Amino acid sequence: MTFAEDNVIMTINKKLDGTILEIAIEGRLETTTAPELEAVIKESLDGVTELIVNMEKLQYISSAGLRVLLIAQKTMMKQGRMVIRNANDDIQEVFEVTGFADILNIE
């Protein structure tokens, strides 16, 4: 799925393997694209015990994106676990500056 609004593009790819869901995000996770990711996550978590958020191709994350990750983390704490993978140095720095590095499970 690709979402484009005002030249802001984010692509979301989902892969379900049993009870493990991997969501790969590409582009920019910000105010205009975060609601799309939130909707995809909410509609996809039934029966999922592990959520993997692959950020290998994510270029930018805003506070709106952090909010979506926090909501997903809270949901997954009730039914399993959530893991953030492949965050680049810029995204990792945002996690550290905001304190999310202490909240999220980042591999």
PDB file of N, CA and C in Angstrom:
ATOM      1  N   MET A   1       0.836  -1.178   0.000  1.00  0.00           N
ATOM      2  CA  MET A   1       0.000   0.000   0.000  1.00  0.00           C
ATOM      3  C   MET A   1       0.881   1.240   0.000  1.00  0.00           C
ATOM      4  N   THR A   2       0.566   2.182  -0.835  1.00  0.00           N
ATOM      5  CA  THR A   2       1.299   3.433  -0.884  1.00  0.00           C
ATOM      6  C   THR A   2       0.329   4.581  -0.640  1.00  0.00           C
ATOM      7  N   PHE A   3       0.713   5.476   0.246  1.00  0.00           N
ATOM      8  CA  PHE A   3      -0.116   6.629   0.580  1.00  0.00           C
ATOM      9  C   PHE A   3       0.659   7.884   0.216  1.00  0.00           C
ATOM     10  N   ALA A   4       0.033   8.741  -0.561  1.00  0.00           N
ATOM     11  CA  ALA A   4       0.694   9.980  -0.976  1.00  0.00           C
ATOM     12  C   ALA A   4      -0.250  11.143  -0.724  1.00  0.00           C
ATOM     13  N   GLU A   5       0.252  12.136  -0.035  1.00  0.00           N
ATOM     14  CA  GLU A   5      -0.526  13.335   0.219  1.00  0.00           C
ATOM     15  C   GLU A   5       0.438  14.504   0.255  1.00  0.00           C
ATOM     16  N   ASP A   6       0.220  15.487  -0.584  1.00  0.00           N
ATOM     17  CA  ASP A   6       1.086  16.656  -0.652  1.00  0.00           C
ATOM     18  C   ASP A   6       2.555  16.260  -0.814  1.00  0.00           C
ATOM     19  N   ASN A   7       2.809  15.328  -1.718  1.00  0.00           N
ATOM     20  CA  ASN A   7       4.158  14.845  -2.017  1.00  0.00           C
ATOM     21  C   ASN A   7       4.840  14.123  -0.854  1.00  0.00           C
ATOM     22  N   VAL A   8       4.070  13.760   0.161  1.00  0.00           N
ATOM     23  CA  VAL A   8       4.599  12.954   1.256  1.00  0.00           C
ATOM     24  C   VAL A   8       4.200  11.515   0.960  1.00  0.00           C
ATOM     25  N   ILE A   9       5.176  10.664   0.777  1.00  0.00           N
ATOM     26  CA  ILE A   9       4.872   9.291   0.395  1.00  0.00           C
ATOM     27  C   ILE A   9       5.375   8.328   1.467  1.00  0.00           C
ATOM     28  N   MET A  10       4.496   7.364   1.780  1.00  0.00           N
ATOM     29  CA  MET A  10       4.869   6.284   2.679  1.00  0.00           C
ATOM     30  C   MET A  10       4.302   5.000   2.089  1.00  0.00           C
ATOM     31  N   THR A  11       5.103   3.966   2.081  1.00  0.00           N
ATOM     32  CA  THR A  11       4.665   2.658   1.625  1.00  0.00           C
ATOM     33  C   THR A  11       4.655   1.716   2.823  1.00  0.00           C
ATOM     34  N   ILE A  12       3.587   0.931   2.934  1.00  0.00           N
ATOM     35  CA  ILE A  12       3.442  -0.040   4.017  1.00  0.00           C
ATOM     36  C   ILE A  12       3.296  -1.417   3.382  1.00  0.00           C
ATOM     37  N   ASN A  13       4.165  -2.334   3.754  1.00  0.00           N
ATOM     38  CA  ASN A  13       4.075  -3.717   3.294  1.00  0.00           C
ATOM     39  C   ASN A  13       3.869  -4.623   4.495  1.00  0.00           C
ATOM     40  N   LYS A  14       2.864  -5.501   4.400  1.00  0.00           N
ATOM     41  CA  LYS A  14       2.560  -6.419   5.496  1.00  0.00           C
ATOM     42  C   LYS A  14       2.871  -7.843   5.068  1.00  0.00           C
ATOM     43  N   LYS A  15       3.405  -8.624   6.026  1.00  0.00           N
ATOM     44  CA  LYS A  15       3.638 -10.046   5.789  1.00  0.00           C
ATOM     45  C   LYS A  15       3.252 -10.792   7.062  1.00  0.00           C
ATOM     46  N   LEU A  16       2.255 -11.658   6.952  1.00  0.00           N
ATOM     47  CA  LEU A  16       1.784 -12.439   8.091  1.00  0.00           C
ATOM     48  C   LEU A  16       2.294 -13.862   7.961  1.00  0.00           C
ATOM     49  N   ASP A  17       2.959 -14.345   9.001  1.00  0.00           N
ATOM     50  CA  ASP A  17       3.462 -15.714   9.040  1.00  0.00           C
ATOM     51  C   ASP A  17       2.953 -16.336  10.333  1.00  0.00           C
ATOM     52  N   GLY A  18       1.811 -17.006  10.267  1.00  0.00           N
ATOM     53  CA  GLY A  18       1.194 -17.559  11.470  1.00  0.00           C
ATOM     54  C   GLY A  18       0.704 -16.437  12.355  1.00  0.00           C
ATOM     55  N   THR A  19       1.309 -16.316  13.539  1.00  0.00           N
ATOM     56  CA  THR A  19       0.917 -15.258  14.473  1.00  0.00           C
ATOM     57  C   THR A  19       1.937 -14.118  14.506  1.00  0.00           C
ATOM     58  N   ILE A  20       2.881 -14.141  13.560  1.00  0.00           N
ATOM     59  CA  ILE A  20       3.908 -13.090  13.483  1.00  0.00           C
ATOM     60  C   ILE A  20       3.589 -12.186  12.290  1.00  0.00           C
ATOM     61  N   LEU A  21       3.410 -10.907  12.574  1.00  0.00           N
ATOM     62  CA  LEU A  21       3.133  -9.921  11.533  1.00  0.00           C
ATOM     63  C   LEU A  21       4.326  -8.992  11.401  1.00  0.00           C
ATOM     64  N   GLU A  22       4.845  -8.878  10.188  1.00  0.00           N
ATOM     65  CA  GLU A  22       5.901  -7.902   9.916  1.00  0.00           C
ATOM     66  C   GLU A  22       5.315  -6.793   9.063  1.00  0.00           C
ATOM     67  N   ILE A  23       5.503  -5.570   9.520  1.00  0.00           N
ATOM     68  CA  ILE A  23       5.085  -4.392   8.769  1.00  0.00           C
ATOM     69  C   ILE A  23       6.343  -3.607   8.422  1.00  0.00           C
ATOM     70  N   ALA A  24       6.598  -3.474   7.124  1.00  0.00           N
ATOM     71  CA  ALA A  24       7.753  -2.713   6.656  1.00  0.00           C
ATOM     72  C   ALA A  24       7.265  -1.338   6.200  1.00  0.00           C
ATOM     73  N   ILE A  25       7.891  -0.306   6.719  1.00  0.00           N
ATOM     74  CA  ILE A  25       7.508   1.072   6.406  1.00  0.00           C
ATOM     75  C   ILE A  25       8.622   1.713   5.592  1.00  0.00           C
ATOM     76  N   GLU A  26       8.225   2.370   4.516  1.00  0.00           N
ATOM     77  CA  GLU A  26       9.190   3.034   3.644  1.00  0.00           C
ATOM     78  C   GLU A  26       8.753   4.483   3.441  1.00  0.00           C
ATOM     79  N   GLY A  27       9.695   5.398   3.517  1.00  0.00           N
ATOM     80  CA  GLY A  27       9.382   6.807   3.257  1.00  0.00           C
ATOM     81  C   GLY A  27       9.373   7.636   4.530  1.00  0.00           C
ATOM     82  N   ARG A  28       8.277   8.404   4.695  1.00  0.00           N
ATOM     83  CA  ARG A  28       8.188   9.350   5.804  1.00  0.00           C
ATOM     84  C   ARG A  28       6.946   9.058   6.642  1.00  0.00           C
ATOM     85  N   LEU A  29       7.156   8.849   7.929  1.00  0.00           N
ATOM     86  CA  LEU A  29       6.055   8.614   8.868  1.00  0.00           C
ATOM     87  C   LEU A  29       5.843   9.905   9.652  1.00  0.00           C
ATOM     88  N   GLU A  30       4.834  10.660   9.221  1.00  0.00           N
ATOM     89  CA  GLU A  30       4.594  11.974   9.818  1.00  0.00           C
ATOM     90  C   GLU A  30       3.094  12.230   9.924  1.00  0.00           C
ATOM     91  N   THR A  31       2.729  13.459  10.205  1.00  0.00           N
ATOM     92  CA  THR A  31       1.338  13.820  10.488  1.00  0.00           C
ATOM     93  C   THR A  31       0.357  13.346   9.419  1.00  0.00           C
ATOM     94  N   THR A  32       0.723  13.475   8.159  1.00  0.00           N
ATOM     95  CA  THR A  32      -0.216  13.117   7.098  1.00  0.00           C
ATOM     96  C   THR A  32      -0.267  11.615   6.813  1.00  0.00           C
ATOM     97  N   THR A  33       0.791  10.878   7.148  1.00  0.00           N
ATOM     98  CA  THR A  33       0.823   9.441   6.845  1.00  0.00           C
ATOM     99  C   THR A  33       0.582   8.562   8.070  1.00  0.00           C
ATOM    100  N   ALA A  34       0.796   9.088   9.260  1.00  0.00           N
ATOM    101  CA  ALA A  34       0.641   8.300  10.486  1.00  0.00           C
ATOM    102  C   ALA A  34      -0.755   7.685  10.641  1.00  0.00           C
ATOM    103  N   PRO A  35      -1.838   8.405  10.316  1.00  0.00           N
ATOM    104  CA  PRO A  35      -3.168   7.784  10.451  1.00  0.00           C
ATOM    105  C   PRO A  35      -3.340   6.533   9.586  1.00  0.00           C
ATOM    106  N   GLU A  36      -2.693   6.507   8.438  1.00  0.00           N
ATOM    107  CA  GLU A  36      -2.769   5.326   7.574  1.00  0.00           C
ATOM    108  C   GLU A  36      -2.084   4.131   8.227  1.00  0.00           C
ATOM    109  N   LEU A  37      -0.900   4.352   8.804  1.00  0.00           N
ATOM    110  CA  LEU A  37      -0.202   3.271   9.488  1.00  0.00           C
ATOM    111  C   LEU A  37      -1.010   2.800  10.685  1.00  0.00           C
ATOM    112  N   GLU A  38      -1.567   3.734  11.438  1.00  0.00           N
ATOM    113  CA  GLU A  38      -2.375   3.374  12.599  1.00  0.00           C
ATOM    114  C   GLU A  38      -3.550   2.484  12.184  1.00  0.00           C
ATOM    115  N   ALA A  39      -4.214   2.833  11.094  1.00  0.00           N
ATOM    116  CA  ALA A  39      -5.355   2.045  10.611  1.00  0.00           C
ATOM    117  C   ALA A  39      -4.912   0.646  10.182  1.00  0.00           C
ATOM    118  N   VAL A  40      -3.796   0.559   9.472  1.00  0.00           N
ATOM    119  CA  VAL A  40      -3.293  -0.740   9.015  1.00  0.00           C
ATOM    120  C   VAL A  40      -2.950  -1.624  10.212  1.00  0.00           C
ATOM    121  N   ILE A  41      -2.294  -1.052  11.202  1.00  0.00           N
ATOM    122  CA  ILE A  41      -1.924  -1.833  12.384  1.00  0.00           C
ATOM    123  C   ILE A  41      -3.171  -2.303  13.126  1.00  0.00           C
ATOM    124  N   LYS A  42      -4.108  -1.411  13.371  1.00  0.00           N
ATOM    125  CA  LYS A  42      -5.318  -1.768  14.119  1.00  0.00           C
ATOM    126  C   LYS A  42      -6.098  -2.891  13.455  1.00  0.00           C
ATOM    127  N   GLU A  43      -6.206  -2.835  12.138  1.00  0.00           N
ATOM    128  CA  GLU A  43      -6.996  -3.842  11.426  1.00  0.00           C
ATOM    129  C   GLU A  43      -6.252  -5.165  11.265  1.00  0.00           C
ATOM    130  N   SER A  44      -4.978  -5.215  11.614  1.00  0.00           N
ATOM    131  CA  SER A  44      -4.152  -6.386  11.334  1.00  0.00           C
ATOM    132  C   SER A  44      -3.732  -7.183  12.565  1.00  0.00           C
ATOM    133  N   LEU A  45      -4.068  -6.744  13.765  1.00  0.00           N
ATOM    134  CA  LEU A  45      -3.494  -7.358  14.964  1.00  0.00           C
ATOM    135  C   LEU A  45      -4.279  -8.525  15.562  1.00  0.00           C
ATOM    136  N   ASP A  46      -5.450  -8.831  15.043  1.00  0.00           N
ATOM    137  CA  ASP A  46      -6.206  -9.970  15.593  1.00  0.00           C
ATOM    138  C   ASP A  46      -5.396 -11.252  15.464  1.00  0.00           C
ATOM    139  N   GLY A  47      -5.161 -11.913  16.597  1.00  0.00           N
ATOM    140  CA  GLY A  47      -4.434 -13.173  16.601  1.00  0.00           C
ATOM    141  C   GLY A  47      -2.935 -13.054  16.487  1.00  0.00           C
ATOM    142  N   VAL A  48      -2.416 -11.839  16.400  1.00  0.00           N
ATOM    143  CA  VAL A  48      -0.966 -11.624  16.267  1.00  0.00           C
ATOM    144  C   VAL A  48      -0.332 -11.604  17.650  1.00  0.00           C
ATOM    145  N   THR A  49       0.729 -12.391  17.826  1.00  0.00           N
ATOM    146  CA  THR A  49       1.446 -12.408  19.101  1.00  0.00           C
ATOM    147  C   THR A  49       2.799 -11.698  19.013  1.00  0.00           C
ATOM    148  N   GLU A  50       3.271 -11.470  17.790  1.00  0.00           N
ATOM    149  CA  GLU A  50       4.512 -10.706  17.609  1.00  0.00           C
ATOM    150  C   GLU A  50       4.347  -9.768  16.427  1.00  0.00           C
ATOM    151  N   LEU A  51       4.586  -8.485  16.679  1.00  0.00           N
ATOM    152  CA  LEU A  51       4.554  -7.468  15.645  1.00  0.00           C
ATOM    153  C   LEU A  51       5.976  -6.977  15.424  1.00  0.00           C
ATOM    154  N   ILE A  52       6.441  -7.124  14.189  1.00  0.00           N
ATOM    155  CA  ILE A  52       7.765  -6.632  13.820  1.00  0.00           C
ATOM    156  C   ILE A  52       7.563  -5.412  12.927  1.00  0.00           C
ATOM    157  N   VAL A  53       8.128  -4.282  13.330  1.00  0.00           N
ATOM    158  CA  VAL A  53       8.061  -3.071  12.516  1.00  0.00           C
ATOM    159  C   VAL A  53       9.444  -2.868  11.908  1.00  0.00           C
ATOM    160  N   ASN A  54       9.536  -3.121  10.610  1.00  0.00           N
ATOM    161  CA  ASN A  54      10.804  -3.015   9.898  1.00  0.00           C
ATOM    162  C   ASN A  54      10.941  -1.601   9.348  1.00  0.00           C
ATOM    163  N   MET A  55      11.960  -0.895   9.814  1.00  0.00           N
ATOM    164  CA  MET A  55      12.165   0.502   9.433  1.00  0.00           C
ATOM    165  C   MET A  55      13.381   0.687   8.534  1.00  0.00           C
ATOM    166  N   GLU A  56      13.775  -0.367   7.864  1.00  0.00           N
ATOM    167  CA  GLU A  56      14.976  -0.320   7.026  1.00  0.00           C
ATOM    168  C   GLU A  56      14.929   0.816   6.003  1.00  0.00           C
ATOM    169  N   LYS A  57      13.747   1.093   5.445  1.00  0.00           N
ATOM    170  CA  LYS A  57      13.634   2.115   4.412  1.00  0.00           C
ATOM    171  C   LYS A  57      12.874   3.352   4.886  1.00  0.00           C
ATOM    172  N   LEU A  58      12.722   3.486   6.196  1.00  0.00           N
ATOM    173  CA  LEU A  58      12.065   4.677   6.740  1.00  0.00           C
ATOM    174  C   LEU A  58      13.079   5.810   6.809  1.00  0.00           C
ATOM    175  N   GLN A  59      12.714   6.961   6.239  1.00  0.00           N
ATOM    176  CA  GLN A  59      13.639   8.094   6.178  1.00  0.00           C
ATOM    177  C   GLN A  59      13.432   9.097   7.302  1.00  0.00           C
ATOM    178  N   TYR A  60      12.195   9.175   7.816  1.00  0.00           N
ATOM    179  CA  TYR A  60      11.870  10.235   8.782  1.00  0.00           C
ATOM    180  C   TYR A  60      10.697   9.778   9.633  1.00  0.00           C
ATOM    181  N   ILE A  61      10.709  10.169  10.913  1.00  0.00           N
ATOM    182  CA  ILE A  61       9.582   9.911  11.798  1.00  0.00           C
ATOM    183  C   ILE A  61       9.310  11.166  12.626  1.00  0.00           C
ATOM    184  N   SER A  62       8.045  11.539  12.727  1.00  0.00           N
ATOM    185  CA  SER A  62       7.655  12.708  13.526  1.00  0.00           C
ATOM    186  C   SER A  62       6.979  12.238  14.803  1.00  0.00           C
ATOM    187  N   SER A  63       6.540  13.193  15.609  1.00  0.00           N
ATOM    188  CA  SER A  63       5.836  12.847  16.849  1.00  0.00           C
ATOM    189  C   SER A  63       4.547  12.082  16.565  1.00  0.00           C
ATOM    190  N   ALA A  64       3.917  12.360  15.431  1.00  0.00           N
ATOM    191  CA  ALA A  64       2.703  11.611  15.066  1.00  0.00           C
ATOM    192  C   ALA A  64       3.038  10.144  14.822  1.00  0.00           C
ATOM    193  N   GLY A  65       4.175   9.887  14.223  1.00  0.00           N
ATOM    194  CA  GLY A  65       4.624   8.508  14.012  1.00  0.00           C
ATOM    195  C   GLY A  65       4.978   7.830  15.316  1.00  0.00           C
ATOM    196  N   LEU A  66       5.615   8.562  16.212  1.00  0.00           N
ATOM    197  CA  LEU A  66       5.938   8.008  17.530  1.00  0.00           C
ATOM    198  C   LEU A  66       4.672   7.627  18.283  1.00  0.00           C
ATOM    199  N   ARG A  67       3.641   8.442  18.159  1.00  0.00           N
ATOM    200  CA  ARG A  67       2.359   8.167  18.807  1.00  0.00           C
ATOM    201  C   ARG A  67       1.776   6.839  18.317  1.00  0.00           C
ATOM    202  N   VAL A  68       1.833   6.611  17.011  1.00  0.00           N
ATOM    203  CA  VAL A  68       1.319   5.356  16.444  1.00  0.00           C
ATOM    204  C   VAL A  68       2.097   4.168  17.001  1.00  0.00           C
ATOM    205  N   LEU A  69       3.414   4.297  17.096  1.00  0.00           N
ATOM    206  CA  LEU A  69       4.224   3.210  17.648  1.00  0.00           C
ATOM    207  C   LEU A  69       3.890   2.954  19.111  1.00  0.00           C
ATOM    208  N   LEU A  70       3.645   4.013  19.862  1.00  0.00           N
ATOM    209  CA  LEU A  70       3.286   3.858  21.267  1.00  0.00           C
ATOM    210  C   LEU A  70       1.949   3.131  21.421  1.00  0.00           C
ATOM    211  N   ILE A  71       0.980   3.486  20.601  1.00  0.00           N
ATOM    212  CA  ILE A  71      -0.326   2.811  20.635  1.00  0.00           C
ATOM    213  C   ILE A  71      -0.163   1.331  20.287  1.00  0.00           C
ATOM    214  N   ALA A  72       0.618   1.045  19.260  1.00  0.00           N
ATOM    215  CA  ALA A  72       0.857  -0.345  18.862  1.00  0.00           C
ATOM    216  C   ALA A  72       1.564  -1.113  19.974  1.00  0.00           C
ATOM    217  N   GLN A  73       2.544  -0.475  20.616  1.00  0.00           N
ATOM    218  CA  GLN A  73       3.277  -1.101  21.719  1.00  0.00           C
ATOM    219  C   GLN A  73       2.327  -1.460  22.861  1.00  0.00           C
ATOM    220  N   LYS A  74       1.440  -0.538  23.223  1.00  0.00           N
ATOM    221  CA  LYS A  74       0.494  -0.791  24.310  1.00  0.00           C
ATOM    222  C   LYS A  74      -0.442  -1.942  23.965  1.00  0.00           C
ATOM    223  N   THR A  75      -0.908  -1.994  22.731  1.00  0.00           N
ATOM    224  CA  THR A  75      -1.775  -3.085  22.289  1.00  0.00           C
ATOM    225  C   THR A  75      -1.035  -4.414  22.351  1.00  0.00           C
ATOM    226  N   MET A  76       0.186  -4.435  21.834  1.00  0.00           N
ATOM    227  CA  MET A  76       0.945  -5.682  21.775  1.00  0.00           C
ATOM    228  C   MET A  76       1.393  -6.158  23.157  1.00  0.00           C
ATOM    229  N   MET A  77       1.523  -5.269  24.118  1.00  0.00           N
ATOM    230  CA  MET A  77       1.881  -5.692  25.477  1.00  0.00           C
ATOM    231  C   MET A  77       0.792  -6.593  26.065  1.00  0.00           C
ATOM    232  N   LYS A  78      -0.436  -6.450  25.582  1.00  0.00           N
ATOM    233  CA  LYS A  78      -1.554  -7.255  26.070  1.00  0.00           C
ATOM    234  C   LYS A  78      -1.631  -8.616  25.386  1.00  0.00           C
ATOM    235  N   GLN A  79      -1.045  -8.731  24.195  1.00  0.00           N
ATOM    236  CA  GLN A  79      -1.218  -9.976  23.444  1.00  0.00           C
ATOM    237  C   GLN A  79       0.082 -10.593  22.944  1.00  0.00           C
ATOM    238  N   GLY A  80       1.209  -9.991  23.274  1.00  0.00           N
ATOM    239  CA  GLY A  80       2.490 -10.525  22.822  1.00  0.00           C
ATOM    240  C   GLY A  80       3.577  -9.489  22.943  1.00  0.00           C
ATOM    241  N   ARG A  81       4.293  -9.263  21.837  1.00  0.00           N
ATOM    242  CA  ARG A  81       5.377  -8.280  21.876  1.00  0.00           C
ATOM    243  C   ARG A  81       5.516  -7.584  20.541  1.00  0.00           C
ATOM    244  N   MET A  82       6.153  -6.416  20.586  1.00  0.00           N
ATOM    245  CA  MET A  82       6.446  -5.640  19.388  1.00  0.00           C
ATOM    246  C   MET A  82       7.942  -5.376  19.340  1.00  0.00           C
ATOM    247  N   VAL A  83       8.507  -5.495  18.144  1.00  0.00           N
ATOM    248  CA  VAL A  83       9.930  -5.286  17.938  1.00  0.00           C
ATOM    249  C   VAL A  83      10.128  -4.287  16.804  1.00  0.00           C
ATOM    250  N   ILE A  84      11.041  -3.348  17.012  1.00  0.00           N
ATOM    251  CA  ILE A  84      11.444  -2.414  15.966  1.00  0.00           C
ATOM    252  C   ILE A  84      12.766  -2.924  15.406  1.00  0.00           C
ATOM    253  N   ARG A  85      12.834  -3.060  14.088  1.00  0.00           N
ATOM    254  CA  ARG A  85      14.064  -3.554  13.468  1.00  0.00           C
ATOM    255  C   ARG A  85      14.559  -2.601  12.391  1.00  0.00           C
ATOM    256  N   ASN A  86      15.871  -2.583  12.223  1.00  0.00           N
ATOM    257  CA  ASN A  86      16.548  -1.892  11.119  1.00  0.00           C
ATOM    258  C   ASN A  86      16.344  -0.377  11.093  1.00  0.00           C
ATOM    259  N   ALA A  87      16.184   0.242  12.249  1.00  0.00           N
ATOM    260  CA  ALA A  87      16.071   1.708  12.291  1.00  0.00           C
ATOM    261  C   ALA A  87      17.438   2.312  11.950  1.00  0.00           C
ATOM    262  N   ASN A  88      17.448   3.281  11.035  1.00  0.00           N
ATOM    263  CA  ASN A  88      18.715   3.915  10.681  1.00  0.00           C
ATOM    264  C   ASN A  88      19.165   4.851  11.808  1.00  0.00           C
ATOM    265  N   ASP A  89      20.336   5.447  11.650  1.00  0.00           N
ATOM    266  CA  ASP A  89      20.900   6.284  12.713  1.00  0.00           C
ATOM    267  C   ASP A  89      20.015   7.484  13.039  1.00  0.00           C
ATOM    268  N   ASP A  90      19.405   8.100  12.025  1.00  0.00           N
ATOM    269  CA  ASP A  90      18.551   9.272  12.263  1.00  0.00           C
ATOM    270  C   ASP A  90      17.310   8.890  13.067  1.00  0.00           C
ATOM    271  N   ILE A  91      16.686   7.776  12.704  1.00  0.00           N
ATOM    272  CA  ILE A  91      15.493   7.309  13.424  1.00  0.00           C
ATOM    273  C   ILE A  91      15.887   6.891  14.838  1.00  0.00           C
ATOM    274  N   GLN A  92      17.003   6.200  14.961  1.00  0.00           N
ATOM    275  CA  GLN A  92      17.485   5.776  16.273  1.00  0.00           C
ATOM    276  C   GLN A  92      17.743   6.989  17.175  1.00  0.00           C
ATOM    277  N   GLU A  93      18.280   8.054  16.599  1.00  0.00           N
ATOM    278  CA  GLU A  93      18.527   9.270  17.375  1.00  0.00           C
ATOM    279  C   GLU A  93      17.214   9.876  17.875  1.00  0.00           C
ATOM    280  N   VAL A  94      16.175   9.873  17.043  1.00  0.00           N
ATOM    281  CA  VAL A  94      14.863  10.365  17.468  1.00  0.00           C
ATOM    282  C   VAL A  94      14.360   9.524  18.643  1.00  0.00           C
ATOM    283  N   PHE A  95      14.517   8.198  18.553  1.00  0.00           N
ATOM    284  CA  PHE A  95      14.091   7.324  19.649  1.00  0.00           C
ATOM    285  C   PHE A  95      14.839   7.656  20.939  1.00  0.00           C
ATOM    286  N   GLU A  96      16.123   7.916  20.820  1.00  0.00           N
ATOM    287  CA  GLU A  96      16.925   8.193  22.014  1.00  0.00           C
ATOM    288  C   GLU A  96      16.602   9.558  22.618  1.00  0.00           C
ATOM    289  N   VAL A  97      16.475  10.579  21.788  1.00  0.00           N
ATOM    290  CA  VAL A  97      16.199  11.929  22.273  1.00  0.00           C
ATOM    291  C   VAL A  97      14.827  12.012  22.943  1.00  0.00           C
ATOM    292  N   THR A  98      13.860  11.275  22.409  1.00  0.00           N
ATOM    293  CA  THR A  98      12.494  11.324  22.942  1.00  0.00           C
ATOM    294  C   THR A  98      12.261  10.355  24.096  1.00  0.00           C
ATOM    295  N   GLY A  99      13.229   9.486  24.372  1.00  0.00           N
ATOM    296  CA  GLY A  99      13.057   8.494  25.424  1.00  0.00           C
ATOM    297  C   GLY A  99      12.378   7.215  24.949  1.00  0.00           C
ATOM    298  N   PHE A 100      12.015   7.160  23.674  1.00  0.00           N
ATOM    299  CA  PHE A 100      11.362   5.972  23.141  1.00  0.00           C
ATOM    300  C   PHE A 100      12.302   4.771  23.096  1.00  0.00           C
ATOM    301  N   ALA A 101      13.613   5.022  23.092  1.00  0.00           N
ATOM    302  CA  ALA A 101      14.582   3.921  23.111  1.00  0.00           C
ATOM    303  C   ALA A 101      14.416   3.093  24.392  1.00  0.00           C
ATOM    304  N   ASP A 102      13.912   3.717  25.453  1.00  0.00           N
ATOM    305  CA  ASP A 102      13.711   3.013  26.705  1.00  0.00           C
ATOM    306  C   ASP A 102      12.337   2.323  26.763  1.00  0.00           C
ATOM    307  N   ILE A 103      11.424   2.714  25.893  1.00  0.00           N
ATOM    308  CA  ILE A 103      10.069   2.180  25.894  1.00  0.00           C
ATOM    309  C   ILE A 103       9.909   1.051  24.896  1.00  0.00           C
ATOM    310  N   LEU A 104      10.497   1.225  23.708  1.00  0.00           N
ATOM    311  CA  LEU A 104      10.333   0.267  22.627  1.00  0.00           C
ATOM    312  C   LEU A 104      11.411  -0.809  22.658  1.00  0.00           C
ATOM    313  N   ASN A 105      11.063  -1.973  22.133  1.00  0.00           N
ATOM    314  CA  ASN A 105      12.024  -3.070  21.985  1.00  0.00           C
ATOM    315  C   ASN A 105      12.671  -2.902  20.619  1.00  0.00           C
ATOM    316  N   ILE A 106      13.903  -2.369  20.597  1.00  0.00           N
ATOM    317  CA  ILE A 106      14.591  -2.058  19.340  1.00  0.00           C
ATOM    318  C   ILE A 106      15.747  -3.027  19.156  1.00  0.00           C
ATOM    319  N   GLU A 107      15.734  -3.685  18.016  1.00  0.00           N
ATOM    320  CA  GLU A 107      16.812  -4.639  17.704  1.00  0.00           C
ATOM    321  C   GLU A 107      17.681  -4.108  16.589  1.00  0.00           C
TER     322      GLU A 107
END
